[in-house]
Protein backbone atom coordinates (compact mmCIF):
# COMPACT_ATOMS: atom_id res chain seq x y z
CA MET A 1 97.66 100.23 102.51
CA PRO A 2 98.14 101.63 99.00
CA SER A 3 96.78 99.57 96.12
CA LEU A 4 99.21 97.66 93.90
CA LYS A 5 98.50 100.13 91.09
CA GLU A 6 99.32 103.09 93.30
CA TYR A 7 102.50 101.44 94.52
CA ILE A 8 103.63 100.80 90.93
CA MET A 9 102.76 104.35 89.85
CA ARG A 10 104.78 105.76 92.74
CA LEU A 11 107.78 103.59 91.86
CA LYS A 12 107.63 104.76 88.24
CA ARG A 13 108.07 108.33 89.44
CA ALA A 14 110.69 107.50 92.05
CA SER A 15 114.41 108.18 91.92
CA MET A 16 116.82 105.34 92.64
CA ALA A 17 117.38 106.84 96.10
CA GLU A 18 113.65 106.67 96.80
CA VAL A 19 113.45 103.06 95.58
CA PHE A 20 116.16 102.10 98.08
CA TYR A 21 114.43 104.15 100.80
CA ARG A 22 111.12 102.34 100.25
CA ALA A 23 112.80 98.94 99.98
CA LYS A 24 114.50 99.58 103.32
CA HIS A 25 111.11 100.30 104.89
CA ARG A 26 109.62 97.07 103.53
CA ILE A 27 112.48 95.02 104.94
CA GLU A 28 112.21 96.76 108.31
CA ASN A 29 108.44 96.21 108.37
CA LYS A 30 108.92 92.47 107.85
CA GLN A 31 111.42 92.37 110.70
CA LEU A 32 109.12 94.36 112.98
CA ARG A 33 106.17 92.15 112.07
CA ARG A 34 108.18 89.04 112.97
CA ARG A 35 109.13 90.58 116.31
CA ALA A 36 105.53 91.60 116.99
CA PHE A 37 104.37 88.01 116.91
CA SER A 38 107.34 86.37 118.59
CA GLU A 39 109.15 88.36 121.26
CA GLY A 40 106.95 91.46 121.17
CA LEU A 41 107.70 94.97 119.99
CA THR A 42 109.91 96.24 122.77
CA LEU A 43 111.89 99.42 122.25
CA PRO A 44 114.41 100.66 124.83
CA VAL A 45 113.25 104.07 126.05
CA PRO A 46 115.84 106.28 127.78
CA CYS A 47 115.04 107.50 131.26
CA ILE A 48 115.29 111.28 131.39
CA PRO A 49 115.11 113.64 134.38
CA ARG A 50 111.98 115.71 134.93
CA ASP A 51 113.93 118.92 134.33
CA ASP A 52 114.43 117.94 130.67
CA TRP A 53 110.75 118.42 129.87
CA ALA A 54 108.96 120.06 132.81
CA GLY A 55 110.11 123.55 131.86
CA LEU A 56 108.95 123.36 128.25
CA LEU A 57 106.31 125.90 127.24
CA MET A 58 103.58 125.66 124.63
CA PRO A 59 103.26 128.50 122.09
CA ASP A 60 100.69 131.25 122.32
CA ILE A 61 97.36 130.22 120.84
CA GLN A 62 94.11 131.81 119.75
CA VAL A 63 90.75 130.20 120.47
CA GLY A 64 87.82 130.71 118.12
CA VAL A 65 84.18 129.68 118.29
CA ASP A 66 83.59 125.95 117.89
CA SER A 67 80.34 124.08 117.45
CA ILE A 68 81.58 121.53 119.99
CA GLU A 69 81.92 123.03 123.45
CA PRO A 70 84.07 121.64 126.30
CA GLU A 71 80.97 120.34 128.09
CA GLU A 72 80.19 118.11 125.11
CA LEU A 73 83.79 116.88 125.05
CA LEU A 74 83.52 116.01 128.74
CA LYS A 75 80.49 113.88 127.89
CA GLY A 76 82.53 111.91 125.36
CA LYS A 77 82.09 113.89 122.15
CA ILE A 78 84.98 113.44 119.72
CA TYR A 79 85.90 114.78 116.29
CA THR A 80 84.86 112.19 113.68
CA LEU A 81 84.53 113.91 110.28
CA ASN A 82 80.79 113.16 110.50
CA THR A 83 81.36 109.41 110.54
CA GLY A 84 79.43 107.31 113.03
CA GLU A 85 81.39 106.40 116.14
CA ASP A 86 80.07 102.83 115.88
CA SER A 87 81.69 102.41 112.45
CA ILE A 88 84.96 103.76 113.78
CA GLY A 89 84.84 101.49 116.83
CA GLN A 90 84.07 98.40 114.75
CA PHE A 91 87.03 99.05 112.46
CA GLU A 92 89.38 99.65 115.40
CA THR A 93 88.21 96.48 117.16
CA ARG A 94 88.63 94.37 114.04
CA TRP A 95 92.25 95.44 113.50
CA ARG A 96 93.34 96.28 117.05
CA ASN A 97 95.98 93.58 117.56
CA ILE A 98 97.16 93.36 113.96
CA PHE A 99 100.57 94.70 112.97
CA SER A 100 99.90 98.09 111.39
CA GLY A 101 101.71 97.21 108.15
CA ASP A 102 99.31 94.30 107.55
CA ILE A 103 96.09 96.29 107.79
CA LYS A 104 94.10 96.57 104.57
CA TYR A 105 91.81 99.56 104.39
CA ASN A 106 91.06 100.06 100.69
CA GLY A 107 87.29 99.97 100.26
CA ALA A 108 86.64 100.01 104.00
CA LEU A 109 83.10 100.86 105.02
CA ALA A 110 84.52 103.80 106.93
CA ASP A 111 86.97 106.22 105.33
CA ILE A 112 90.38 105.58 106.92
CA ARG A 113 90.71 109.33 107.46
CA ALA A 114 87.61 109.17 109.62
CA ILE A 115 89.13 106.27 111.56
CA TRP A 116 92.28 108.28 112.18
CA GLU A 117 90.58 111.56 113.07
CA PRO A 118 89.63 110.79 116.72
CA ALA A 119 93.08 109.23 117.24
CA ARG A 120 94.69 112.60 116.60
CA LEU A 121 93.34 113.21 120.13
CA GLN A 122 92.59 116.82 119.32
CA HIS A 123 89.44 116.69 121.41
CA LEU A 124 91.81 116.24 124.35
CA ALA A 125 93.96 119.17 123.19
CA LYS A 126 90.78 121.25 123.30
CA LEU A 127 90.13 120.07 126.85
CA ILE A 128 93.71 120.82 127.93
CA ILE A 129 93.26 124.39 126.72
CA ALA A 130 89.81 124.62 128.31
CA GLY A 131 91.33 123.43 131.58
CA GLN A 132 93.69 126.39 131.57
CA ILE A 133 90.87 128.91 131.27
CA SER A 134 88.00 127.15 133.08
CA GLN A 135 86.49 127.89 136.46
CA PRO A 136 87.95 125.84 139.34
CA LYS A 137 84.80 123.70 139.68
CA ASP A 138 85.38 122.29 136.18
CA VAL A 139 89.09 121.62 136.52
CA SER A 140 88.83 118.23 138.24
CA ARG A 141 86.41 116.91 135.59
CA ILE A 142 88.67 118.16 132.82
CA GLU A 143 91.77 116.68 134.48
CA LYS A 144 90.09 113.28 134.75
CA ALA A 145 88.85 113.37 131.14
CA ILE A 146 92.33 114.21 129.82
CA ARG A 147 94.07 111.55 131.88
CA ASP A 148 91.51 108.86 131.12
CA GLY A 149 91.39 109.78 127.45
CA ILE A 150 95.14 109.58 126.86
CA LEU A 151 95.86 106.53 129.00
CA ASP A 152 92.86 104.64 127.64
CA TRP A 153 94.04 105.36 124.09
CA LEU A 154 97.56 104.16 124.86
CA GLU A 155 96.30 100.96 126.48
CA LYS A 156 94.04 100.17 123.52
CA ASN A 157 96.70 100.98 120.93
CA PRO A 158 99.96 99.19 121.78
CA PHE A 159 102.96 100.37 119.80
CA LEU A 160 102.71 99.51 116.07
CA LEU A 161 99.55 97.44 116.50
CA GLY A 162 96.25 98.58 115.02
CA PRO A 163 95.30 101.19 112.42
CA HIS A 164 96.74 104.23 114.16
CA TYR A 165 100.38 103.49 113.34
CA ILE A 166 99.86 103.05 109.60
CA SER A 167 100.57 106.70 108.85
CA PRO A 168 103.61 108.49 110.34
CA MET A 169 101.71 111.72 109.66
CA GLU A 170 99.06 110.70 112.19
CA CYS A 171 101.74 109.84 114.75
CA GLY A 172 103.32 113.23 114.15
CA LEU A 173 100.03 115.02 114.82
CA ARG A 174 99.50 113.16 118.11
CA LEU A 175 102.84 114.26 119.51
CA PRO A 176 101.95 117.92 120.25
CA VAL A 177 98.93 116.66 122.21
CA PHE A 178 101.08 114.21 124.18
CA VAL A 179 103.65 116.90 124.95
CA TYR A 180 100.99 119.47 125.81
CA ALA A 181 99.51 117.01 128.31
CA LEU A 182 102.93 116.09 129.67
CA ILE A 183 104.01 119.64 130.50
CA THR A 184 100.67 120.93 131.81
CA ARG A 185 99.36 118.04 133.93
CA ASN A 186 100.95 118.39 137.35
CA HIS A 187 99.00 115.77 139.30
CA TRP A 188 99.62 112.61 137.32
CA SER A 189 101.33 109.71 139.05
CA ASP A 190 104.90 108.82 138.07
CA GLU A 191 103.56 105.65 136.46
CA ASP A 192 101.09 107.57 134.29
CA ARG A 193 103.72 110.10 133.31
CA ASP A 194 106.21 107.38 132.39
CA MET A 195 103.58 105.81 130.17
CA LEU A 196 103.17 109.11 128.34
CA LEU A 197 106.94 109.66 128.05
CA ASP A 198 107.20 106.15 126.64
CA ALA A 199 104.60 107.02 123.98
CA VAL A 200 106.38 110.27 123.08
CA TYR A 201 109.66 108.43 122.51
CA LYS A 202 108.14 105.57 120.51
CA HIS A 203 106.10 107.89 118.33
CA GLY A 204 109.22 109.98 117.68
CA TRP A 205 111.25 106.89 116.82
CA TRP A 206 108.60 105.62 114.41
CA VAL A 207 108.15 108.96 112.66
CA ALA A 208 111.92 109.48 112.30
CA GLY A 209 112.27 106.18 110.46
CA ARG A 210 109.25 106.63 108.17
CA LEU A 211 109.48 110.21 106.93
CA SER A 212 107.62 111.18 103.75
CA LEU A 213 110.52 112.12 101.51
CA TYR A 214 111.40 112.28 97.81
CA ALA A 215 108.23 112.19 95.65
CA SER A 216 106.12 112.11 98.82
CA LEU A 217 107.33 115.46 100.12
CA GLY A 218 104.26 117.49 101.03
CA ASN A 219 101.97 118.28 103.94
CA HIS A 220 102.64 114.81 105.40
CA THR A 221 106.30 115.79 105.74
CA ILE A 222 105.31 118.92 107.65
CA CYS A 223 103.12 116.95 110.08
CA GLU A 224 105.93 114.47 110.66
CA SER A 225 108.45 117.28 111.18
CA ILE A 226 106.18 118.77 113.84
CA GLY A 227 106.17 115.43 115.62
CA LEU A 228 109.96 115.22 115.50
CA ILE A 229 110.28 118.73 116.94
CA PHE A 230 107.96 118.05 119.89
CA ALA A 231 109.38 114.59 120.66
CA GLY A 232 112.90 115.86 120.07
CA ALA A 233 112.40 118.76 122.47
CA VAL A 234 111.39 116.38 125.25
CA TYR A 235 114.35 114.04 124.58
CA ARG A 236 116.75 116.71 123.29
CA LYS A 237 119.51 115.71 125.74
CA THR A 238 119.62 112.19 124.33
CA ALA A 239 121.38 111.32 121.07
CA GLU A 240 118.15 110.27 119.34
CA GLY A 241 116.12 113.22 120.56
CA LYS A 242 118.78 115.69 119.43
CA LYS A 243 118.69 114.14 115.94
CA TRP A 244 114.87 114.33 115.82
CA LEU A 245 114.83 117.98 116.80
CA GLU A 246 117.50 118.90 114.26
CA LYS A 247 115.83 116.85 111.50
CA GLY A 248 112.42 118.38 112.15
CA ILE A 249 113.81 121.91 111.99
CA SER A 250 115.88 121.12 108.90
CA LEU A 251 112.88 119.69 107.02
CA LEU A 252 110.67 122.66 107.87
CA GLN A 253 113.41 125.02 106.73
CA GLN A 254 113.85 123.07 103.50
CA GLU A 255 110.15 122.73 102.75
CA LEU A 256 109.00 126.28 103.43
CA SER A 257 109.73 127.61 99.94
CA HIS A 258 108.55 124.30 98.45
CA GLN A 259 105.18 124.35 100.20
CA VAL A 260 104.53 128.11 100.13
CA MET A 261 105.20 129.74 96.77
CA GLU A 262 106.74 133.17 96.31
CA ASP A 263 103.31 134.82 96.01
CA GLY A 264 102.10 133.08 99.18
CA GLY A 265 100.01 130.47 97.36
CA PRO A 266 100.07 126.69 97.86
CA ASN A 267 102.26 124.49 95.70
CA GLU A 268 99.84 121.64 96.40
CA GLN A 269 96.99 123.71 94.90
CA SER A 270 94.81 123.02 97.94
CA PHE A 271 93.52 125.87 100.08
CA ASN A 272 92.59 123.75 103.11
CA TYR A 273 95.95 122.01 103.17
CA HIS A 274 97.56 125.43 102.80
CA ARG A 275 95.82 126.69 105.94
CA PHE A 276 96.77 123.46 107.71
CA VAL A 277 100.44 123.69 106.72
CA LEU A 278 100.72 127.36 107.65
CA ASP A 279 99.28 126.67 111.11
CA LEU A 280 101.68 123.76 111.59
CA TYR A 281 104.58 126.06 110.79
CA ARG A 282 103.27 128.65 113.25
CA LEU A 283 102.87 125.96 115.91
CA ALA A 284 106.46 124.83 115.39
CA ALA A 285 107.84 128.38 115.29
CA GLY A 286 106.00 129.39 118.46
CA PHE A 287 107.14 126.28 120.32
CA LEU A 288 110.76 126.51 119.19
CA GLU A 289 111.12 130.21 119.97
CA LYS A 290 109.31 130.11 123.29
CA ASN A 291 111.71 127.41 124.46
CA GLY A 292 114.84 128.99 122.99
CA LEU A 293 115.41 126.03 120.68
CA TYR A 294 115.62 127.85 117.33
CA ASP A 295 115.17 131.34 115.91
CA CYS A 296 112.41 131.17 113.28
CA THR A 297 112.55 134.85 112.28
CA LEU A 298 113.41 134.04 108.66
CA TRP A 299 110.32 131.84 108.29
CA LYS A 300 107.81 134.50 109.20
CA PRO A 301 107.69 136.72 106.08
CA ARG A 302 106.87 133.67 103.95
CA LEU A 303 104.25 132.44 106.42
CA THR A 304 102.62 135.87 106.53
CA LYS A 305 102.49 135.89 102.72
CA GLY A 306 100.68 132.56 102.83
CA GLU A 307 98.19 133.77 105.42
CA ASN A 308 97.52 136.96 103.48
CA PHE A 309 97.01 134.88 100.34
CA LEU A 310 94.16 133.01 102.00
CA LYS A 311 92.65 136.21 103.40
CA THR A 312 92.45 137.60 99.87
CA PHE A 313 90.06 134.75 98.97
CA MET A 314 87.88 135.28 102.04
CA ASP A 315 84.44 136.78 101.45
CA ALA A 316 82.48 139.02 103.82
CA SER A 317 81.29 136.00 105.83
CA GLY A 318 84.73 134.42 106.14
CA ASN A 319 84.17 131.77 103.46
CA VAL A 320 87.12 130.58 101.36
CA PRO A 321 86.63 128.44 98.20
CA SER A 322 87.24 124.71 98.74
CA ILE A 323 89.88 124.52 96.02
CA GLY A 324 91.80 121.23 95.86
CA ASP A 325 91.72 118.41 98.38
CA SER A 326 90.86 118.90 102.03
CA ASP A 327 92.03 116.83 104.99
CA ASP A 328 89.94 119.00 107.34
CA GLY A 329 93.03 118.89 109.52
CA TYR A 330 94.12 121.20 112.33
CA ALA A 331 97.48 121.81 113.94
CA LEU A 332 96.08 121.42 117.48
CA ALA A 333 92.29 121.25 117.32
CA PRO A 334 89.34 122.81 115.48
CA CYS A 335 89.10 126.53 116.25
CA VAL A 336 92.39 126.46 118.18
CA TYR A 337 95.12 128.27 116.28
CA PRO A 338 98.76 129.12 116.90
CA LYS A 339 99.32 132.85 116.93
CA ARG A 340 99.50 134.01 113.32
CA GLY A 341 101.07 136.98 111.56
CA ASP A 342 99.32 140.12 110.30
CA ASP A 343 95.79 139.78 111.70
CA ASP A 344 94.81 143.21 110.38
CA PHE A 345 95.67 142.52 106.74
CA MET A 346 92.90 143.30 104.25
CA GLU A 347 93.37 143.31 100.49
CA THR A 348 91.75 146.40 98.98
CA ARG A 349 92.85 146.22 95.34
CA PRO A 350 89.93 145.39 93.00
CA CYS A 351 91.99 142.85 91.04
CA VAL A 352 94.81 140.78 92.52
CA THR A 353 96.81 138.18 90.60
CA PHE A 354 99.04 135.52 92.16
CA PRO A 355 101.35 134.62 89.27
CA GLU A 356 103.28 131.71 90.78
CA SER A 357 100.33 129.80 92.21
CA GLY A 358 98.03 130.85 89.36
CA TYR A 359 94.96 132.65 90.70
CA THR A 360 93.24 135.97 90.17
CA VAL A 361 90.74 137.51 92.59
CA ILE A 362 88.30 140.27 91.64
CA GLN A 363 86.50 142.04 94.45
CA SER A 364 84.45 145.13 95.16
CA ALA A 365 84.46 146.15 98.81
CA LYS A 366 83.81 142.50 99.69
CA ARG A 367 80.33 142.61 98.12
CA LEU A 368 81.60 140.71 95.09
CA LEU A 369 84.37 138.13 95.35
CA PHE A 370 85.17 136.36 92.09
CA THR A 371 88.06 133.88 91.73
CA PHE A 372 89.66 132.60 88.54
CA ASP A 373 91.95 129.54 88.63
CA HIS A 374 94.73 129.52 86.04
CA GLY A 375 97.23 127.54 88.10
CA SER A 376 98.94 124.18 87.75
CA LEU A 377 97.49 120.78 88.61
CA GLY A 378 99.43 120.49 91.86
CA MET A 379 102.76 119.53 93.38
CA ALA A 380 104.88 117.41 91.04
CA PRO A 381 105.56 114.57 90.52
CA LEU A 382 102.38 112.97 91.92
CA TYR A 383 100.06 116.00 92.03
CA ASN A 384 98.37 114.23 94.98
CA HIS A 385 95.97 116.88 96.22
CA GLY A 386 95.28 118.88 93.08
CA HIS A 387 92.01 118.78 91.16
CA ALA A 388 91.47 119.06 87.39
CA ASP A 389 90.04 122.55 87.75
CA ALA A 390 91.89 124.68 85.18
CA LEU A 391 90.02 127.92 84.36
CA SER A 392 87.40 127.21 87.03
CA ILE A 393 85.69 130.14 88.73
CA SER A 394 83.87 130.81 91.99
CA LEU A 395 81.58 133.65 93.01
CA SER A 396 80.49 135.03 96.35
CA VAL A 397 78.04 137.94 96.66
CA ALA A 398 77.60 139.90 99.90
CA GLY A 399 79.13 137.03 101.87
CA GLU A 400 76.90 134.41 100.24
CA GLN A 401 78.61 131.68 98.24
CA VAL A 402 76.82 131.30 94.90
CA LEU A 403 79.14 129.53 92.42
CA VAL A 404 81.20 127.07 94.44
CA ASP A 405 84.01 124.58 94.16
CA SER A 406 82.56 121.14 94.90
CA GLY A 407 85.32 120.28 97.37
CA THR A 408 86.57 116.81 98.30
CA TYR A 409 83.77 114.71 99.88
CA ARG A 410 85.91 111.76 101.03
CA TYR A 411 89.24 110.13 100.21
CA ASN A 412 88.71 106.41 100.68
CA GLY A 413 86.01 103.77 100.44
CA GLU A 414 84.08 105.23 97.50
CA PRO A 415 86.49 105.51 94.54
CA GLU A 416 83.82 106.61 92.07
CA TRP A 417 83.03 109.68 94.17
CA ARG A 418 86.71 110.35 94.78
CA ARG A 419 87.22 110.32 91.01
CA TYR A 420 84.24 112.61 90.42
CA PHE A 421 85.14 115.30 92.96
CA LYS A 422 88.74 115.49 91.71
CA GLY A 423 87.59 115.57 88.10
CA THR A 424 86.83 118.41 85.72
CA ARG A 425 83.04 117.90 85.78
CA ALA A 426 82.97 118.81 89.48
CA HIS A 427 84.33 122.28 88.73
CA ASN A 428 83.07 125.45 87.09
CA THR A 429 84.89 124.98 83.81
CA VAL A 430 84.53 123.03 80.54
CA ASN A 431 84.81 119.26 80.18
CA ILE A 432 85.64 118.00 76.68
CA ASP A 433 84.58 114.57 75.41
CA GLY A 434 83.83 113.43 78.95
CA ALA A 435 87.53 113.45 79.84
CA ASP A 436 89.29 115.18 82.71
CA GLN A 437 91.91 117.83 81.96
CA ALA A 438 94.53 115.36 83.27
CA VAL A 439 94.47 111.59 83.81
CA GLN A 440 93.54 110.17 87.22
CA GLU A 441 95.73 107.12 87.73
CA THR A 442 94.64 106.58 91.35
CA GLY A 443 92.88 108.61 94.01
CA PHE A 444 96.16 110.40 94.74
CA ILE A 445 98.18 110.24 91.53
CA TRP A 446 97.69 112.17 88.29
CA SER A 447 99.47 111.76 84.97
CA HIS A 448 99.51 114.01 81.88
CA PRO A 449 99.46 117.24 83.92
CA TYR A 450 98.25 120.27 82.02
CA LYS A 451 99.90 123.63 81.65
CA ALA A 452 97.62 126.55 82.52
CA GLU A 453 98.61 130.19 82.17
CA LEU A 454 97.26 133.69 82.46
CA LEU A 455 97.55 135.13 78.95
CA SER A 456 96.56 138.73 79.59
CA ILE A 457 94.98 141.07 82.09
CA ILE A 458 93.55 144.49 81.29
CA GLU A 459 92.19 146.99 83.83
CA LYS A 460 90.63 150.10 82.31
CA ASN A 461 87.89 152.54 83.32
CA GLY A 462 86.54 150.24 86.02
CA SER A 463 86.42 147.20 83.72
CA ILE A 464 88.65 144.13 84.05
CA ILE A 465 89.40 141.62 81.30
CA LEU A 466 91.20 138.37 82.12
CA GLU A 467 92.26 135.78 79.57
CA ALA A 468 93.78 132.40 80.42
CA GLY A 469 94.18 129.03 78.74
CA HIS A 470 95.24 125.44 79.31
CA ASP A 471 96.46 122.51 77.19
CA GLY A 472 94.91 119.66 79.19
CA TYR A 473 93.11 118.36 76.12
CA ALA A 474 96.18 118.37 73.88
CA ARG A 475 96.42 114.64 74.61
CA LEU A 476 93.15 113.88 72.76
CA LYS A 477 93.29 112.19 69.36
CA HIS A 478 92.25 115.55 67.94
CA PRO A 479 93.87 118.06 70.35
CA VAL A 480 91.95 121.04 71.69
CA TYR A 481 93.22 124.18 73.43
CA HIS A 482 90.77 125.86 75.81
CA LYS A 483 90.90 129.61 76.31
CA ARG A 484 88.57 131.44 78.73
CA THR A 485 88.00 135.17 78.92
CA VAL A 486 86.37 136.77 81.95
CA ILE A 487 85.08 140.32 81.48
CA LEU A 488 83.92 142.35 84.45
CA LEU A 489 82.12 145.34 82.95
CA ASP A 490 81.50 146.99 86.31
CA ALA A 491 80.93 145.86 89.87
CA SER A 492 77.67 144.15 88.94
CA CYS A 493 78.04 142.61 85.45
CA PHE A 494 80.44 140.03 84.10
CA VAL A 495 80.74 137.96 80.93
CA ILE A 496 82.46 134.60 80.48
CA ARG A 497 83.58 133.57 77.00
CA ASP A 498 85.08 130.16 76.18
CA LEU A 499 87.02 129.64 72.95
CA PHE A 500 88.36 126.33 71.64
CA SER A 501 90.96 125.81 68.95
CA GLY A 502 91.82 122.47 67.40
CA LYS A 503 90.55 119.83 65.02
CA GLY A 504 87.80 117.21 64.86
CA ASN A 505 84.35 116.93 66.39
CA HIS A 506 84.03 117.18 70.16
CA ASN A 507 81.45 117.30 72.93
CA PHE A 508 81.76 120.36 75.16
CA GLU A 509 80.16 120.32 78.61
CA LEU A 510 79.98 123.62 80.49
CA ASN A 511 79.36 123.15 84.22
CA PHE A 512 78.41 125.62 86.93
CA HIS A 513 78.00 124.35 90.49
CA LEU A 514 75.74 126.30 92.82
CA HIS A 515 75.80 126.33 96.60
CA PRO A 516 73.32 123.69 97.88
CA ASP A 517 71.20 126.43 99.47
CA ALA A 518 70.92 128.42 96.23
CA SER A 519 67.76 128.29 94.13
CA VAL A 520 67.22 128.91 90.41
CA GLN A 521 64.14 130.52 88.89
CA SER A 522 63.23 131.68 85.40
CA GLU A 523 62.55 135.41 85.12
CA ASP A 524 61.75 136.66 81.62
CA ALA A 525 64.83 135.90 79.50
CA TRP A 526 67.05 135.40 82.55
CA LEU A 527 67.77 132.65 85.03
CA SER A 528 67.78 134.09 88.54
CA ILE A 529 70.05 132.48 91.13
CA ARG A 530 69.16 133.38 94.70
CA LYS A 531 70.81 132.62 98.02
CA ASN A 532 69.45 134.55 100.97
CA ASN A 533 70.13 138.21 100.18
CA ALA A 534 72.30 137.49 97.14
CA LYS A 535 70.86 137.44 93.63
CA VAL A 536 72.59 136.73 90.32
CA ASN A 537 70.81 136.94 86.98
CA THR A 538 72.33 135.03 84.07
CA ASP A 539 71.35 134.54 80.45
CA GLY A 540 72.81 131.05 80.63
CA LEU A 541 75.38 131.72 77.88
CA VAL A 542 77.02 133.15 80.28
CA LYS A 543 76.43 136.84 80.91
CA SER A 544 75.53 137.66 84.49
CA ASN A 545 74.28 140.63 86.47
CA ILE A 546 74.76 140.80 90.23
CA LEU A 547 71.90 142.53 91.99
């Protein structure tokens, strides 16, 4: 559960409507908790005819290459975010029969995200898809693994008990897997199928009453909307199901221009969440249209803009900078994607600026890919998933990442590392007086957001000059304004110049983060950075040649 400080900070930023919304949830949680330990958490589930759901179709998908093959999944392999399965199992066992609202997970030995990851059941989604394309000899093993996996999970996780009902987002992400299993498994007993239908309804009911709204609007809202759409489609001929379906569609419609900016960039200032959100939209659009539930034509130009935005940041090896937070989340499963938009898009302009989201990309036939961040802190009012990375840069040469964004590491359990990776020092920019460019109130709330802006851009005779600035240090006792100029002299030489205006004495810390596989050697008056076939020489001041 959120810390007291985080709860207070959220309330400070909340409207009166949100205060009432959250108060209503607290009252309902107390009532549900009382029921859980007296009469039990029973919820009337309508009985619906098979025809209501049996004809539903899943959207078209694309399957990529995954490090975990179906054979490993059949042997019990699950997606764990590199956390030991023993740690996950111990946490689940400890809290299994506790009302979800009472579970305390701050400072847990295992990151709560890692606890939740296997319970998204996306390893089973991967098996469902594998079962549709596998040889007949494998089908019976896959069928058994899917059935056992889902029913075992449901038996071990009674409704609203244990850690897997804490987050409505997680419930929303399970629903496509439940529905996928429901409409593709033809040999389950009526009892097994009723158990799954029961789970679909209860998950839908829980998500509908706990939506992330108001200041919490963001990727969580999209995940929850997906859940409402899938549960609502199954129960669409009931009053509740019809409401879920309509609410899910309405929220996705409302949030599209909020999540995806006019230039295609992410309002949350997180590239991994952006990919996640775009795929969730594609999953919803494909499902709705294939089943004649809603025409999503008007969504697609914006989604394609978002997908093309990410492709612009992709180097020759398919790497994209880890800008902002990362949930490492997937709409269905790792390397399983809903059908996307313009697969053939390739940005060919040497310099591309995204004015609304605040990024510029410089490239030369994909040999050089240089990014410059002059965007905002994140999505107001909490700025949850943004990092203090104003004027940060990244560099990839011939498909080799050289200067990198440090990424996220983990969300929970190690607050000092959470603070570091979100902070200015973890990015390729300048830290002043040891302070971040904004103030970290909690692991997911910032205050004193900075304003960053692109001041000028000049392209002439093959050279490119970018100038941007930010006011994140205007809050210091002696305010400082940071301006950075990036000069690309040709396709192999660039200069970075940092200027500071203000008063007083200050400590300036210039950081550059190299890929872990890169090495640094001294060569004459230069420092040589090497990573496989990529080489960058720098004088350390910083003028660099790409060889």
